[in-house]
């Protein structure tokens, strides 16, 4: 057998790194915190460039996402679309992480 050839038995024990990291995150109990972090850092990707130009996610605590908005007009608009935005965030994260949004 050539030295660079991996036996079939060894190949079957190799797992994708992403799956192993996900399992580790679940095992040590930080999955929720990572998803909360993503809710803030991926705000622009989730809501789109247009909304992100007028707002920014600041922090999340106990399921409440705080979003800073540039104008009261936009705050009213986003308040009307709050349920839609929460659904989009939670769908993107694959879990119900955001339970409420407070626009400031």
Protein backbone atom coordinates (compact mmCIF):
# COMPACT_ATOMS: atom_id res chain seq x y z
CA UNK A 1 0.00 0.00 0.00
CA UNK A 2 1.27 3.48 -0.86
CA UNK A 3 2.07 5.70 2.16
CA UNK A 4 -0.37 8.42 1.03
CA UNK A 5 -3.30 6.02 0.71
CA UNK A 6 -5.79 5.99 3.58
CA UNK A 7 -7.36 2.67 4.35
CA UNK A 8 -11.15 2.39 4.11
CA UNK A 9 -11.35 1.71 7.83
CA UNK A 10 -9.56 4.96 8.68
CA UNK A 11 -11.68 6.93 6.19
CA UNK A 12 -14.91 5.82 7.85
CA UNK A 13 -13.77 7.29 11.19
CA UNK A 14 -13.12 10.73 9.69
CA UNK A 15 -15.97 13.17 10.35
CA UNK A 16 -16.50 16.64 8.89
CA UNK A 17 -14.95 19.28 11.14
CA UNK A 18 -18.11 21.41 11.13
CA UNK A 19 -20.18 18.58 12.58
CA UNK A 20 -17.61 17.92 15.28
CA UNK A 21 -17.50 21.60 16.25
CA UNK A 22 -21.30 21.73 16.38
CA UNK A 23 -21.36 18.65 18.63
CA UNK A 24 -18.72 20.19 20.90
CA UNK A 25 -20.66 23.47 21.15
CA UNK A 26 -23.77 21.53 22.17
CA UNK A 27 -21.86 19.36 24.62
CA UNK A 28 -20.34 22.30 26.50
CA UNK A 29 -23.61 24.22 26.50
CA UNK A 30 -22.74 27.39 24.60
CA UNK A 31 -25.00 26.91 21.58
CA UNK A 32 -27.57 29.45 22.83
CA UNK A 33 -24.90 32.09 23.54
CA UNK A 34 -23.38 31.61 20.08
CA UNK A 35 -26.80 31.99 18.46
CA UNK A 36 -27.42 35.17 20.47
CA UNK A 37 -24.07 36.48 19.26
CA UNK A 38 -25.05 35.65 15.68
CA UNK A 39 -28.37 37.50 16.07
CA UNK A 40 -26.39 40.68 16.72
CA UNK A 41 -23.45 40.20 14.35
CA UNK A 42 -25.52 38.97 11.41
CA UNK A 43 -28.17 41.71 11.67
CA UNK A 44 -27.34 43.21 8.26
CA UNK A 45 -27.33 39.84 6.50
CA UNK A 46 -30.65 38.87 8.09
CA UNK A 47 -32.64 42.09 7.63
CA UNK A 48 -30.96 43.28 4.45
CA UNK A 49 -28.84 46.26 3.51
CA UNK A 50 -31.75 48.72 3.29
CA UNK A 51 -32.90 48.23 6.90
CA UNK A 52 -29.33 47.83 8.17
CA UNK A 53 -28.43 51.29 6.84
CA UNK A 54 -30.99 52.74 9.25
CA UNK A 55 -30.50 50.42 12.23
CA UNK A 56 -28.01 48.24 14.05
CA UNK A 57 -28.36 45.44 16.55
CA UNK A 58 -26.63 46.44 19.78
CA UNK A 59 -27.02 43.54 22.19
CA UNK A 60 -29.26 40.68 23.25
CA UNK A 61 -30.12 39.57 26.75
CA UNK A 62 -32.60 36.89 27.83
CA UNK A 63 -34.12 36.78 24.36
CA UNK A 64 -34.57 40.57 24.05
CA UNK A 65 -32.71 42.05 21.10
CA UNK A 66 -31.93 45.77 21.39
CA UNK A 67 -31.73 47.59 18.07
CA UNK A 68 -30.61 51.19 17.66
CA UNK A 69 -32.55 53.05 14.95
CA UNK A 70 -31.47 56.31 13.31
CA UNK A 71 -34.87 58.05 13.16
CA UNK A 72 -38.27 57.83 14.81
CA UNK A 73 -39.82 57.22 11.39
CA UNK A 74 -37.72 54.11 10.93
CA UNK A 75 -38.37 53.05 14.53
CA UNK A 76 -42.11 53.13 13.78
CA UNK A 77 -41.61 51.19 10.54
CA UNK A 78 -39.54 48.51 12.22
CA UNK A 79 -41.98 48.28 15.12
CA UNK A 80 -44.73 47.49 12.63
CA UNK A 81 -42.52 44.79 11.10
CA UNK A 82 -41.27 43.40 14.44
CA UNK A 83 -42.90 39.97 14.18
CA UNK A 84 -41.65 39.52 10.63
CA UNK A 85 -38.10 40.48 11.66
CA UNK A 86 -38.13 38.18 14.70
CA UNK A 87 -39.35 35.30 12.55
CA UNK A 88 -36.61 35.94 9.99
CA UNK A 89 -33.90 36.04 12.67
CA UNK A 90 -35.10 32.87 14.37
CA UNK A 91 -35.47 31.05 11.04
CA UNK A 92 -31.93 32.03 10.10
CA UNK A 93 -30.57 30.86 13.45
CA UNK A 94 -32.62 27.67 13.43
CA UNK A 95 -33.94 28.27 16.95
CA UNK A 96 -36.22 30.65 18.84
CA UNK A 97 -33.47 32.90 20.15
CA UNK A 98 -35.16 36.31 19.82
CA UNK A 99 -38.39 36.58 21.79
CA UNK A 100 -38.69 40.37 21.72
CA UNK A 101 -37.10 43.32 19.93
CA UNK A 102 -36.73 46.76 21.49
CA UNK A 103 -36.10 49.57 19.06
CA UNK A 104 -34.28 52.62 20.48
